[in-house]
Amino acid sequence: MILKKSKIIAAGKAAAEHLITNEDLSQMVDTNDEWIQSRTGIQTRRVSLQETTLDLATRASLDALHKGDIDPETLDMIIVATVTPDYFIPACASLLQHRLGLNHRPMMAFDLNAACTGLIYAIQTAEKFIATGSAKRVLVVGSETLSRIVDWTDRGTCVLFGDGAGAVILEESDQEGILADYTNSRGDAELNLAMPAFPLDNPFQQESCSMTHQKMTMAGAEIFKFATFAIRDAMEELLSRSGLTMEDIDLIIPHQANARIIAKVARQMGLPMDKFFLNLSDYGNTSSASIGLALAEAMEQGRIHKGDHVILVGFGGGLTWGGILHRF
């Protein structure tokens, strides 16, 4: 079988409507703007008061379709990466299919959870369907309303996260787009970043019959060490698989988690910071949405030109990590 090539042809974004500054957070927990910025690089984040994960996914998808001048009727598949779906059943992707008016279209639509690496996993999955001829054009979305699972009394985590969505559209192409992809997982890490889904005790015990109120927990220091390894590992593997060198790379769009993580990776690899595109100061960590949201902004700002080699690289709970090397 001759495998087909695939290319990202459009990207879109959506940010939640309510802006929360570091000063706002200082009124809620024991923190301040200097403490947050010096440790994370984040100044503001967006929180949804009304919109759901599906709403944000819809807006980002419509933005990508508009920017690419793409008819939604040409989509063959929808993949939504999220850890905060509106429902476990049905999938956010199926609901998005309905929102886009595509119920009459025969297509596969499903959700995917690889935490903050979710968009990378989803792009890689879409690329494989295109490569085998099972799809020609795929909508991939990362969408999150993390404000619903953040503990707003924990200053170590509540300062980090925000709500948003990023969408990309891939299609079969005669031109080289995705030059290399790589994903990995390490399930031995003992819940360094976790969000329980259901009570794990006996469901027939009366006190266990209703969902308990659960919040996300994170071992920040352990995640920091893992993240610096994961970014380097993914980028080195992408270069090895593509035959390119770092000198060939025009831009790196990492998961937008913490500016100190990116700065440490840059020092370790001898790279200038302007090689990395960062917008986390405005949005915080939006998990699976962050890379797509950043890609859309980089394209809007003219940071990506025809022929550029761009690395998308992520890491997250699981622990998961991986990247995409794409020629635009």
C-alpha atoms as a PDB file:
ATOM      1  CA  MET A   1       0.000   0.000   0.000  1.00  0.00           C
ATOM      2  CA  ILE A   2       1.230   3.484  -0.893  1.00  0.00           C
ATOM      3  CA  LEU A   3       0.590   5.710   2.120  1.00  0.00           C
ATOM      4  CA  LYS A   4      -0.900   9.110   1.419  1.00  0.00           C
ATOM      5  CA  LYS A   5       0.525  12.381   2.723  1.00  0.00           C
ATOM      6  CA  SER A   6      -1.379  14.783   4.927  1.00  0.00           C
ATOM      7  CA  LYS A   7      -1.078  18.472   5.643  1.00  0.00           C
ATOM      8  CA  ILE A   8      -2.513  20.986   8.126  1.00  0.00           C
ATOM      9  CA  ILE A   9      -4.427  23.496   6.001  1.00  0.00           C
ATOM     10  CA  ALA A  10      -6.087  25.674   8.663  1.00  0.00           C
ATOM     11  CA  ALA A  11      -6.124  26.414  12.380  1.00  0.00           C
ATOM     12  CA  GLY A  12      -8.664  28.189  14.567  1.00  0.00           C
ATOM     13  CA  LYS A  13      -9.049  29.191  18.192  1.00  0.00           C
ATOM     14  CA  ALA A  14     -11.512  30.168  20.887  1.00  0.00           C
ATOM     15  CA  ALA A  15     -10.902  31.600  24.341  1.00  0.00           C
ATOM     16  CA  ALA A  16     -13.395  31.727  27.189  1.00  0.00           C
ATOM     17  CA  GLU A  17     -15.061  35.064  27.764  1.00  0.00           C
ATOM     18  CA  HIS A  18     -14.110  35.906  31.366  1.00  0.00           C
ATOM     19  CA  LEU A  19     -10.632  37.295  32.042  1.00  0.00           C
ATOM     20  CA  ILE A  20      -8.969  36.557  35.394  1.00  0.00           C
ATOM     21  CA  THR A  21      -5.770  38.454  36.195  1.00  0.00           C
ATOM     22  CA  ASN A  22      -3.087  37.598  38.720  1.00  0.00           C
ATOM     23  CA  GLU A  23      -4.404  40.444  40.837  1.00  0.00           C
ATOM     24  CA  ASP A  24      -7.846  38.809  40.822  1.00  0.00           C
ATOM     25  CA  LEU A  25      -6.309  35.572  42.069  1.00  0.00           C
ATOM     26  CA  SER A  26      -4.486  37.408  44.843  1.00  0.00           C
ATOM     27  CA  GLN A  27      -7.933  38.218  46.278  1.00  0.00           C
ATOM     28  CA  MET A  28      -8.801  34.498  46.317  1.00  0.00           C
ATOM     29  CA  VAL A  29      -5.624  32.744  47.514  1.00  0.00           C
ATOM     30  CA  ASP A  30      -2.328  33.682  49.125  1.00  0.00           C
ATOM     31  CA  THR A  31      -0.437  34.784  46.008  1.00  0.00           C
ATOM     32  CA  ASN A  32       0.518  37.856  44.021  1.00  0.00           C
ATOM     33  CA  ASP A  33       1.398  38.899  40.496  1.00  0.00           C
ATOM     34  CA  GLU A  34       5.180  38.754  41.032  1.00  0.00           C
ATOM     35  CA  TRP A  35       4.985  35.242  42.532  1.00  0.00           C
ATOM     36  CA  ILE A  36       2.878  33.906  39.649  1.00  0.00           C
ATOM     37  CA  GLN A  37       4.802  35.562  36.827  1.00  0.00           C
ATOM     38  CA  SER A  38       8.231  34.631  38.174  1.00  0.00           C
ATOM     39  CA  ARG A  39       7.261  30.960  38.510  1.00  0.00           C
ATOM     40  CA  THR A  40       5.027  30.475  35.477  1.00  0.00           C
ATOM     41  CA  GLY A  41       5.146  33.436  33.080  1.00  0.00           C
ATOM     42  CA  ILE A  42       1.347  33.689  33.237  1.00  0.00           C
ATOM     43  CA  GLN A  43      -0.341  37.085  33.576  1.00  0.00           C
ATOM     44  CA  THR A  44      -3.979  36.321  32.733  1.00  0.00           C
ATOM     45  CA  ARG A  45      -6.169  33.348  31.954  1.00  0.00           C
ATOM     46  CA  ARG A  46      -9.694  32.921  30.577  1.00  0.00           C
ATOM     47  CA  VAL A  47     -12.479  31.202  32.497  1.00  0.00           C
ATOM     48  CA  SER A  48     -15.838  30.197  31.074  1.00  0.00           C
ATOM     49  CA  LEU A  49     -18.882  31.335  33.034  1.00  0.00           C
ATOM     50  CA  GLN A  50     -21.445  30.178  30.475  1.00  0.00           C
ATOM     51  CA  GLU A  51     -19.760  28.345  27.614  1.00  0.00           C
ATOM     52  CA  THR A  52     -19.125  24.618  27.754  1.00  0.00           C
ATOM     53  CA  THR A  53     -16.298  22.563  26.261  1.00  0.00           C
ATOM     54  CA  LEU A  54     -18.584  21.886  23.284  1.00  0.00           C
ATOM     55  CA  ASP A  55     -19.285  25.615  22.843  1.00  0.00           C
ATOM     56  CA  LEU A  56     -15.573  26.426  22.746  1.00  0.00           C
ATOM     57  CA  ALA A  57     -14.891  23.511  20.385  1.00  0.00           C
ATOM     58  CA  THR A  58     -17.614  24.786  18.061  1.00  0.00           C
ATOM     59  CA  ARG A  59     -16.203  28.308  17.982  1.00  0.00           C
ATOM     60  CA  ALA A  60     -12.652  27.113  17.322  1.00  0.00           C
ATOM     61  CA  SER A  61     -13.872  24.764  14.577  1.00  0.00           C
ATOM     62  CA  LEU A  62     -15.869  27.481  12.847  1.00  0.00           C
ATOM     63  CA  ASP A  63     -12.845  29.778  13.075  1.00  0.00           C
ATOM     64  CA  ALA A  64     -10.626  27.175  11.400  1.00  0.00           C
ATOM     65  CA  LEU A  65     -13.216  26.474   8.700  1.00  0.00           C
ATOM     66  CA  HIS A  66     -13.584  30.202   8.028  1.00  0.00           C
ATOM     67  CA  LYS A  67      -9.838  30.881   7.884  1.00  0.00           C
ATOM     68  CA  GLY A  68      -9.296  27.958   5.535  1.00  0.00           C
ATOM     69  CA  ASP A  69     -12.386  28.807   3.445  1.00  0.00           C
ATOM     70  CA  ILE A  70     -13.448  25.193   3.958  1.00  0.00           C
ATOM     71  CA  ASP A  71     -16.953  23.808   3.531  1.00  0.00           C
ATOM     72  CA  PRO A  72     -17.791  21.650   6.584  1.00  0.00           C
ATOM     73  CA  GLU A  73     -19.577  19.283   4.206  1.00  0.00           C
ATOM     74  CA  THR A  74     -16.133  18.151   3.037  1.00  0.00           C
ATOM     75  CA  LEU A  75     -15.153  16.789   6.460  1.00  0.00           C
ATOM     76  CA  ASP A  76     -14.860  13.006   6.785  1.00  0.00           C
ATOM     77  CA  MET A  77     -14.002  12.697  10.467  1.00  0.00           C
ATOM     78  CA  ILE A  78     -14.011  14.664  13.727  1.00  0.00           C
ATOM     79  CA  ILE A  79     -11.673  13.995  16.666  1.00  0.00           C
ATOM     80  CA  VAL A  80     -11.943  15.997  19.883  1.00  0.00           C
ATOM     81  CA  ALA A  81      -9.151  15.825  22.464  1.00  0.00           C
ATOM     82  CA  THR A  82     -10.377  16.781  25.927  1.00  0.00           C
ATOM     83  CA  VAL A  83     -10.196  15.905  29.617  1.00  0.00           C
ATOM     84  CA  THR A  84     -13.269  18.016  30.419  1.00  0.00           C
ATOM     85  CA  PRO A  85     -16.068  16.836  28.113  1.00  0.00           C
ATOM     86  CA  ASP A  86     -19.609  18.035  28.707  1.00  0.00           C
ATOM     87  CA  TYR A  87     -20.630  14.376  28.866  1.00  0.00           C
ATOM     88  CA  PHE A  88     -18.834  11.046  29.010  1.00  0.00           C
ATOM     89  CA  ILE A  89     -21.652   9.836  26.755  1.00  0.00           C
ATOM     90  CA  PRO A  90     -22.209  11.069  24.078  1.00  0.00           C
ATOM     91  CA  ALA A  91     -18.786  12.119  22.855  1.00  0.00           C
ATOM     92  CA  CYS A  92     -18.062  15.808  22.391  1.00  0.00           C
ATOM     93  CA  ALA A  93     -17.042  14.999  18.799  1.00  0.00           C
ATOM     94  CA  SER A  94     -20.491  13.595  18.020  1.00  0.00           C
ATOM     95  CA  LEU A  95     -22.163  16.647  19.522  1.00  0.00           C
ATOM     96  CA  LEU A  96     -19.816  18.850  17.482  1.00  0.00           C
ATOM     97  CA  GLN A  97     -20.834  16.971  14.347  1.00  0.00           C
ATOM     98  CA  HIS A  98     -24.435  17.947  15.140  1.00  0.00           C
ATOM     99  CA  ARG A  99     -23.485  21.565  15.865  1.00  0.00           C
ATOM    100  CA  LEU A 100     -21.805  21.796  12.460  1.00  0.00           C
ATOM    101  CA  GLY A 101     -24.929  20.459  10.755  1.00  0.00           C
ATOM    102  CA  LEU A 102     -23.278  17.222   9.660  1.00  0.00           C
ATOM    103  CA  ASN A 103     -25.617  14.574  11.071  1.00  0.00           C
ATOM    104  CA  HIS A 104     -26.470  13.500   7.523  1.00  0.00           C
ATOM    105  CA  ARG A 105     -22.796  12.928   6.702  1.00  0.00           C
ATOM    106  CA  PRO A 106     -21.443   9.398   7.222  1.00  0.00           C
ATOM    107  CA  MET A 107     -18.393   9.987   9.412  1.00  0.00           C
ATOM    108  CA  MET A 108     -16.472   8.755  12.425  1.00  0.00           C
ATOM    109  CA  ALA A 109     -16.549  11.121  15.408  1.00  0.00           C
ATOM    110  CA  PHE A 110     -14.893  10.327  18.727  1.00  0.00           C
ATOM    111  CA  ASP A 111     -13.156  11.831  21.761  1.00  0.00           C
ATOM    112  CA  LEU A 112      -9.570  11.183  22.797  1.00  0.00           C
ATOM    113  CA  ASN A 113      -7.904  11.732  26.168  1.00  0.00           C
ATOM    114  CA  ALA A 114      -4.143  12.074  26.395  1.00  0.00           C
ATOM    115  CA  ALA A 115      -4.336  15.090  28.721  1.00  0.00           C
ATOM    116  CA  CYS A 116      -2.211  18.018  27.542  1.00  0.00           C
ATOM    117  CA  THR A 117      -0.706  15.902  24.742  1.00  0.00           C
ATOM    118  CA  GLY A 118      -4.207  15.258  23.433  1.00  0.00           C
ATOM    119  CA  LEU A 119      -3.983  17.382  20.290  1.00  0.00           C
ATOM    120  CA  ILE A 120      -0.703  15.721  19.281  1.00  0.00           C
ATOM    121  CA  TYR A 121      -2.235  12.271  19.739  1.00  0.00           C
ATOM    122  CA  ALA A 122      -5.316  13.363  17.776  1.00  0.00           C
ATOM    123  CA  ILE A 123      -3.319  14.831  14.883  1.00  0.00           C
ATOM    124  CA  GLN A 124      -1.249  11.662  14.689  1.00  0.00           C
ATOM    125  CA  THR A 125      -4.437   9.572  14.686  1.00  0.00           C
ATOM    126  CA  ALA A 126      -5.987  11.689  11.925  1.00  0.00           C
ATOM    127  CA  GLU A 127      -2.791  11.433   9.885  1.00  0.00           C
ATOM    128  CA  LYS A 128      -2.936   7.628  10.036  1.00  0.00           C
ATOM    129  CA  PHE A 129      -6.535   7.564   8.790  1.00  0.00           C
ATOM    130  CA  ILE A 130      -5.562   9.853   5.921  1.00  0.00           C
ATOM    131  CA  ALA A 131      -2.422   7.826   5.166  1.00  0.00           C
ATOM    132  CA  THR A 132      -4.464   4.654   4.641  1.00  0.00           C
ATOM    133  CA  GLY A 133      -7.138   6.369   2.551  1.00  0.00           C
ATOM    134  CA  SER A 134      -9.834   6.018   5.238  1.00  0.00           C
ATOM    135  CA  ALA A 135     -10.367   9.793   5.338  1.00  0.00           C
ATOM    136  CA  LYS A 136      -9.470  12.744   3.156  1.00  0.00           C
ATOM    137  CA  ARG A 137     -10.198  15.702   5.437  1.00  0.00           C
ATOM    138  CA  VAL A 138     -10.296  15.596   9.241  1.00  0.00           C
ATOM    139  CA  LEU A 139     -11.232  18.185  11.861  1.00  0.00           C
ATOM    140  CA  VAL A 140      -9.126  17.853  15.019  1.00  0.00           C
ATOM    141  CA  VAL A 141     -10.012  19.921  18.090  1.00  0.00           C
ATOM    142  CA  GLY A 142      -8.545  20.338  21.550  1.00  0.00           C
ATOM    143  CA  SER A 143     -11.086  21.932  23.883  1.00  0.00           C
ATOM    144  CA  GLU A 144     -11.133  22.382  27.655  1.00  0.00           C
ATOM    145  CA  THR A 145     -13.031  24.007  30.491  1.00  0.00           C
ATOM    146  CA  LEU A 146     -10.447  23.251  33.156  1.00  0.00           C
ATOM    147  CA  SER A 147     -11.973  25.820  35.513  1.00  0.00           C
ATOM    148  CA  ARG A 148     -14.574  23.157  36.363  1.00  0.00           C
ATOM    149  CA  ILE A 149     -11.975  20.779  37.818  1.00  0.00           C
ATOM    150  CA  VAL A 150      -9.429  23.224  39.291  1.00  0.00           C
ATOM    151  CA  ASP A 151      -9.281  23.585  43.063  1.00  0.00           C
ATOM    152  CA  TRP A 152      -9.637  27.345  43.410  1.00  0.00           C
ATOM    153  CA  THR A 153      -8.323  27.205  46.976  1.00  0.00           C
ATOM    154  CA  ASP A 154      -4.980  25.670  45.917  1.00  0.00           C
ATOM    155  CA  ARG A 155      -2.555  28.398  44.875  1.00  0.00           C
ATOM    156  CA  GLY A 156      -0.173  25.832  43.410  1.00  0.00           C
ATOM    157  CA  THR A 157      -2.625  24.838  40.679  1.00  0.00           C
ATOM    158  CA  CYS A 158      -5.382  27.430  40.339  1.00  0.00           C
ATOM    159  CA  VAL A 159      -2.948  30.039  38.979  1.00  0.00           C
ATOM    160  CA  LEU A 160      -1.949  27.787  36.083  1.00  0.00           C
ATOM    161  CA  PHE A 161      -5.040  26.846  34.138  1.00  0.00           C
ATOM    162  CA  GLY A 162      -7.518  28.437  31.747  1.00  0.00           C
ATOM    163  CA  ASP A 163     -10.336  27.551  29.364  1.00  0.00           C
ATOM    164  CA  GLY A 164     -10.097  27.552  25.576  1.00  0.00           C
ATOM    165  CA  ALA A 165     -10.049  25.568  22.353  1.00  0.00           C
ATOM    166  CA  GLY A 166      -7.799  25.112  19.339  1.00  0.00           C
ATOM    167  CA  ALA A 167      -8.768  23.422  16.078  1.00  0.00           C
ATOM    168  CA  VAL A 168      -6.790  22.230  13.074  1.00  0.00           C
ATOM    169  CA  ILE A 169      -7.926  20.755   9.776  1.00  0.00           C
ATOM    170  CA  LEU A 170      -5.823  18.125   8.035  1.00  0.00           C
ATOM    171  CA  GLU A 171      -6.305  16.883   4.509  1.00  0.00           C
ATOM    172  CA  GLU A 172      -4.788  14.466   2.040  1.00  0.00           C
ATOM    173  CA  SER A 173      -2.135  16.300   0.031  1.00  0.00           C
ATOM    174  CA  ASP A 174       0.342  15.783  -2.783  1.00  0.00           C
ATOM    175  CA  GLN A 175       2.726  18.052  -0.871  1.00  0.00           C
ATOM    176  CA  GLU A 176       4.690  17.050   2.190  1.00  0.00           C
ATOM    177  CA  GLY A 177       3.045  18.319   5.362  1.00  0.00           C
ATOM    178  CA  ILE A 178       3.616  16.030   8.317  1.00  0.00           C
ATOM    179  CA  LEU A 179       7.227  14.892   7.990  1.00  0.00           C
ATOM    180  CA  ALA A 180       7.424  12.989  11.277  1.00  0.00           C
ATOM    181  CA  ASP A 181       5.297  12.205  14.305  1.00  0.00           C
ATOM    182  CA  TYR A 182       6.028  10.676  17.677  1.00  0.00           C
ATOM    183  CA  THR A 183       3.962   9.857  20.750  1.00  0.00           C
ATOM    184  CA  ASN A 184       4.826   8.061  23.958  1.00  0.00           C
ATOM    185  CA  SER A 185       3.335   7.213  27.330  1.00  0.00           C
ATOM    186  CA  ARG A 186       4.621   6.245  30.755  1.00  0.00           C
ATOM    187  CA  GLY A 187       1.907   4.896  32.992  1.00  0.00           C
ATOM    188  CA  ASP A 188       4.265   4.008  35.832  1.00  0.00           C
ATOM    189  CA  ALA A 189       4.273   7.582  37.129  1.00  0.00           C
ATOM    190  CA  GLU A 190       2.059   7.400  40.198  1.00  0.00           C
ATOM    191  CA  LEU A 191      -0.645   9.952  39.493  1.00  0.00           C
ATOM    192  CA  ASN A 192       1.609  12.995  39.391  1.00  0.00           C
ATOM    193  CA  LEU A 193      -1.239  14.707  37.560  1.00  0.00           C
ATOM    194  CA  ALA A 194      -4.647  13.216  38.211  1.00  0.00           C
ATOM    195  CA  MET A 195      -8.385  13.813  38.135  1.00  0.00           C
ATOM    196  CA  PRO A 196     -10.582  10.963  39.469  1.00  0.00           C
ATOM    197  CA  ALA A 197     -13.638  10.110  37.384  1.00  0.00           C
ATOM    198  CA  PHE A 198     -15.798   7.900  39.597  1.00  0.00           C
ATOM    199  CA  PRO A 199     -15.683   6.643  43.193  1.00  0.00           C
ATOM    200  CA  LEU A 200     -13.643   3.452  43.246  1.00  0.00           C
ATOM    201  CA  ASP A 201     -15.369   1.776  46.192  1.00  0.00           C
ATOM    202  CA  ASN A 202     -18.410  -0.527  46.291  1.00  0.00           C
ATOM    203  CA  PRO A 203     -21.195   0.979  44.147  1.00  0.00           C
ATOM    204  CA  PHE A 204     -23.854  -0.777  46.278  1.00  0.00           C
ATOM    205  CA  GLN A 205     -22.871   1.109  49.398  1.00  0.00           C
ATOM    206  CA  GLN A 206     -25.360   3.920  49.866  1.00  0.00           C
ATOM    207  CA  GLU A 207     -22.714   6.592  50.437  1.00  0.00           C
ATOM    208  CA  SER A 208     -21.036   5.678  47.128  1.00  0.00           C
ATOM    209  CA  CYS A 209     -24.082   5.922  44.903  1.00  0.00           C
ATOM    210  CA  SER A 210     -23.536   9.534  43.913  1.00  0.00           C
ATOM    211  CA  MET A 211     -20.540  11.173  42.292  1.00  0.00           C
ATOM    212  CA  THR A 212     -18.147  12.749  44.756  1.00  0.00           C
ATOM    213  CA  HIS A 213     -16.889  16.268  44.163  1.00  0.00           C
ATOM    214  CA  GLN A 214     -13.453  15.741  42.638  1.00  0.00           C
ATOM    215  CA  LYS A 215     -10.705  18.190  41.760  1.00  0.00           C
ATOM    216  CA  MET A 216      -7.477  17.923  39.807  1.00  0.00           C
ATOM    217  CA  THR A 217      -4.237  17.355  41.713  1.00  0.00           C
ATOM    218  CA  MET A 218      -0.683  17.846  40.499  1.00  0.00           C
ATOM    219  CA  ALA A 219       2.797  17.201  41.859  1.00  0.00           C
ATOM    220  CA  GLY A 220       4.334  20.335  40.363  1.00  0.00           C
ATOM    221  CA  ALA A 221       8.018  19.584  40.923  1.00  0.00           C
ATOM    222  CA  GLU A 222       7.733  16.087  39.431  1.00  0.00           C
ATOM    223  CA  ILE A 223       5.796  17.338  36.407  1.00  0.00           C
ATOM    224  CA  PHE A 224       8.411  20.071  35.856  1.00  0.00           C
ATOM    225  CA  LYS A 225      11.222  17.500  35.697  1.00  0.00           C
ATOM    226  CA  PHE A 226       9.215  15.217  33.426  1.00  0.00           C
ATOM    227  CA  ALA A 227       8.247  18.084  31.101  1.00  0.00           C
ATOM    228  CA  THR A 228      11.817  19.180  30.408  1.00  0.00           C
ATOM    229  CA  PHE A 229      12.751  15.591  29.552  1.00  0.00           C
ATOM    230  CA  ALA A 230       9.638  15.049  27.422  1.00  0.00           C
ATOM    231  CA  ILE A 231      10.080  18.136  25.230  1.00  0.00           C
ATOM    232  CA  ARG A 232      13.713  17.295  24.504  1.00  0.00           C
ATOM    233  CA  ASP A 233      12.953  13.633  23.871  1.00  0.00           C
ATOM    234  CA  ALA A 234      10.099  14.395  21.461  1.00  0.00           C
ATOM    235  CA  MET A 235      12.035  16.989  19.481  1.00  0.00           C
ATOM    236  CA  GLU A 236      15.144  14.823  19.209  1.00  0.00           C
ATOM    237  CA  GLU A 237      13.040  11.882  18.033  1.00  0.00           C
ATOM    238  CA  LEU A 238      11.251  14.017  15.414  1.00  0.00           C
ATOM    239  CA  LEU A 239      14.561  15.257  14.036  1.00  0.00           C
ATOM    240  CA  SER A 240      15.924  11.713  13.934  1.00  0.00           C
ATOM    241  CA  ARG A 241      12.858  10.404  12.092  1.00  0.00           C
ATOM    242  CA  SER A 242      12.777  13.274   9.586  1.00  0.00           C
ATOM    243  CA  GLY A 243      16.513  13.532   8.914  1.00  0.00           C
ATOM    244  CA  LEU A 244      16.428  17.253   9.706  1.00  0.00           C
ATOM    245  CA  THR A 245      18.521  19.201  12.199  1.00  0.00           C
ATOM    246  CA  MET A 246      17.505  21.905  14.632  1.00  0.00           C
ATOM    247  CA  GLU A 247      18.967  24.461  12.218  1.00  0.00           C
ATOM    248  CA  ASP A 248      16.227  23.434   9.775  1.00  0.00           C
ATOM    249  CA  ILE A 249      13.462  24.236  12.261  1.00  0.00           C
ATOM    250  CA  ASP A 250      11.893  27.676  11.905  1.00  0.00           C
ATOM    251  CA  LEU A 251       9.521  27.619  14.884  1.00  0.00           C
ATOM    252  CA  ILE A 252       8.663  25.431  17.873  1.00  0.00           C
ATOM    253  CA  ILE A 253       5.145  25.564  19.325  1.00  0.00           C
ATOM    254  CA  PRO A 254       5.204  23.782  22.693  1.00  0.00           C
ATOM    255  CA  HIS A 255       2.405  22.964  25.080  1.00  0.00           C
ATOM    256  CA  GLN A 256       1.788  26.218  26.915  1.00  0.00           C
ATOM    257  CA  ALA A 257       2.254  25.121  30.523  1.00  0.00           C
ATOM    258  CA  ASN A 258       5.030  27.125  32.116  1.00  0.00           C
ATOM    259  CA  ALA A 259       7.528  29.594  30.645  1.00  0.00           C
ATOM    260  CA  ARG A 260      10.251  28.326  33.012  1.00  0.00           C
ATOM    261  CA  ILE A 261       9.960  24.837  31.500  1.00  0.00           C
ATOM    262  CA  ILE A 262      10.498  26.231  28.003  1.00  0.00           C
ATOM    263  CA  ALA A 263      13.382  28.438  29.156  1.00  0.00           C
ATOM    264  CA  LYS A 264      15.114  25.448  30.758  1.00  0.00           C
ATOM    265  CA  VAL A 265      14.709  23.331  27.611  1.00  0.00           C
ATOM    266  CA  ALA A 266      16.067  26.212  25.513  1.00  0.00           C
ATOM    267  CA  ARG A 267      19.151  26.464  27.732  1.00  0.00           C
ATOM    268  CA  GLN A 268      19.726  22.714  27.721  1.00  0.00           C
ATOM    269  CA  MET A 269      19.477  22.514  23.929  1.00  0.00           C
ATOM    270  CA  GLY A 270      21.319  25.759  23.228  1.00  0.00           C
ATOM    271  CA  LEU A 271      18.306  27.334  21.500  1.00  0.00           C
ATOM    272  CA  PRO A 272      17.248  30.989  21.516  1.00  0.00           C
ATOM    273  CA  MET A 273      13.899  31.692  23.171  1.00  0.00           C
ATOM    274  CA  ASP A 274      12.617  33.354  19.991  1.00  0.00           C
ATOM    275  CA  LYS A 275      12.672  29.889  18.407  1.00  0.00           C
ATOM    276  CA  PHE A 276       9.654  29.098  20.622  1.00  0.00           C
ATOM    277  CA  PHE A 277       6.185  30.610  20.202  1.00  0.00           C
ATOM    278  CA  LEU A 278       4.600  31.380  23.573  1.00  0.00           C
ATOM    279  CA  ASN A 279       1.202  32.846  24.388  1.00  0.00           C
ATOM    280  CA  LEU A 280       0.673  31.331  27.837  1.00  0.00           C
ATOM    281  CA  SER A 281       1.026  34.758  29.452  1.00  0.00           C
ATOM    282  CA  ASP A 282      -2.450  35.533  28.069  1.00  0.00           C
ATOM    283  CA  TYR A 283      -4.200  32.165  28.392  1.00  0.00           C
ATOM    284  CA  GLY A 284      -2.382  30.023  30.958  1.00  0.00           C
ATOM    285  CA  ASN A 285      -2.358  26.259  30.533  1.00  0.00           C
ATOM    286  CA  THR A 286      -5.395  25.174  28.482  1.00  0.00           C
ATOM    287  CA  SER A 287      -4.325  21.501  28.352  1.00  0.00           C
ATOM    288  CA  SER A 288      -5.225  19.828  25.037  1.00  0.00           C
ATOM    289  CA  ALA A 289      -6.336  23.200  23.620  1.00  0.00           C
ATOM    290  CA  SER A 290      -3.017  24.979  24.081  1.00  0.00           C
ATOM    291  CA  ILE A 291      -1.008  23.844  21.053  1.00  0.00           C
ATOM    292  CA  GLY A 292      -3.859  24.388  18.601  1.00  0.00           C
ATOM    293  CA  LEU A 293      -4.664  27.771  20.106  1.00  0.00           C
ATOM    294  CA  ALA A 294      -1.000  28.786  19.887  1.00  0.00           C
ATOM    295  CA  LEU A 295      -0.694  27.503  16.314  1.00  0.00           C
ATOM    296  CA  ALA A 296      -3.710  29.575  15.261  1.00  0.00           C
ATOM    297  CA  GLU A 297      -2.209  32.696  16.866  1.00  0.00           C
ATOM    298  CA  ALA A 298       1.213  32.080  15.322  1.00  0.00           C
ATOM    299  CA  MET A 299      -0.413  31.863  11.892  1.00  0.00           C
ATOM    300  CA  GLU A 300      -2.444  35.025  12.555  1.00  0.00           C
ATOM    301  CA  GLN A 301       0.701  36.906  13.572  1.00  0.00           C
ATOM    302  CA  GLY A 302       2.611  35.868  10.453  1.00  0.00           C
ATOM    303  CA  ARG A 303       5.115  33.746  12.395  1.00  0.00           C
ATOM    304  CA  ILE A 304       4.671  30.822   9.990  1.00  0.00           C
ATOM    305  CA  HIS A 305       5.476  31.102   6.281  1.00  0.00           C
ATOM    306  CA  LYS A 306       5.139  28.772   3.329  1.00  0.00           C
ATOM    307  CA  GLY A 307       7.898  26.170   3.480  1.00  0.00           C
ATOM    308  CA  ASP A 308       8.626  26.650   7.197  1.00  0.00           C
ATOM    309  CA  HIS A 309       9.443  23.617   9.306  1.00  0.00           C
ATOM    310  CA  VAL A 310       7.455  23.792  12.555  1.00  0.00           C
ATOM    311  CA  ILE A 311       7.543  21.470  15.551  1.00  0.00           C
ATOM    312  CA  LEU A 312       4.409  21.024  17.676  1.00  0.00           C
ATOM    313  CA  VAL A 313       5.371  19.369  20.962  1.00  0.00           C
ATOM    314  CA  GLY A 314       3.366  18.465  24.043  1.00  0.00           C
ATOM    315  CA  PHE A 315       3.451  16.663  27.384  1.00  0.00           C
ATOM    316  CA  GLY A 316       0.791  15.884  29.937  1.00  0.00           C
ATOM    317  CA  GLY A 317      -0.824  13.574  32.432  1.00  0.00           C
ATOM    318  CA  GLY A 318      -0.612   9.891  31.750  1.00  0.00           C
ATOM    319  CA  LEU A 319       2.216  10.598  31.617  1.00  0.00           C
ATOM    320  CA  THR A 320       2.088  11.290  27.874  1.00  0.00           C
ATOM    321  CA  TRP A 321       4.271  13.199  25.445  1.00  0.00           C
ATOM    322  CA  GLY A 322       4.953  13.576  21.749  1.00  0.00           C
ATOM    323  CA  GLY A 323       5.252  15.882  18.774  1.00  0.00           C
ATOM    324  CA  ILE A 324       4.561  16.612  15.124  1.00  0.00           C
ATOM    325  CA  LEU A 325       7.108  17.987  12.649  1.00  0.00           C
ATOM    326  CA  HIS A 326       5.240  19.795   9.880  1.00  0.00           C
ATOM    327  CA  ARG A 327       6.296  21.610   6.718  1.00  0.00           C
ATOM    328  CA  PHE A 328       3.832  24.418   6.017  1.00  0.00           C
END
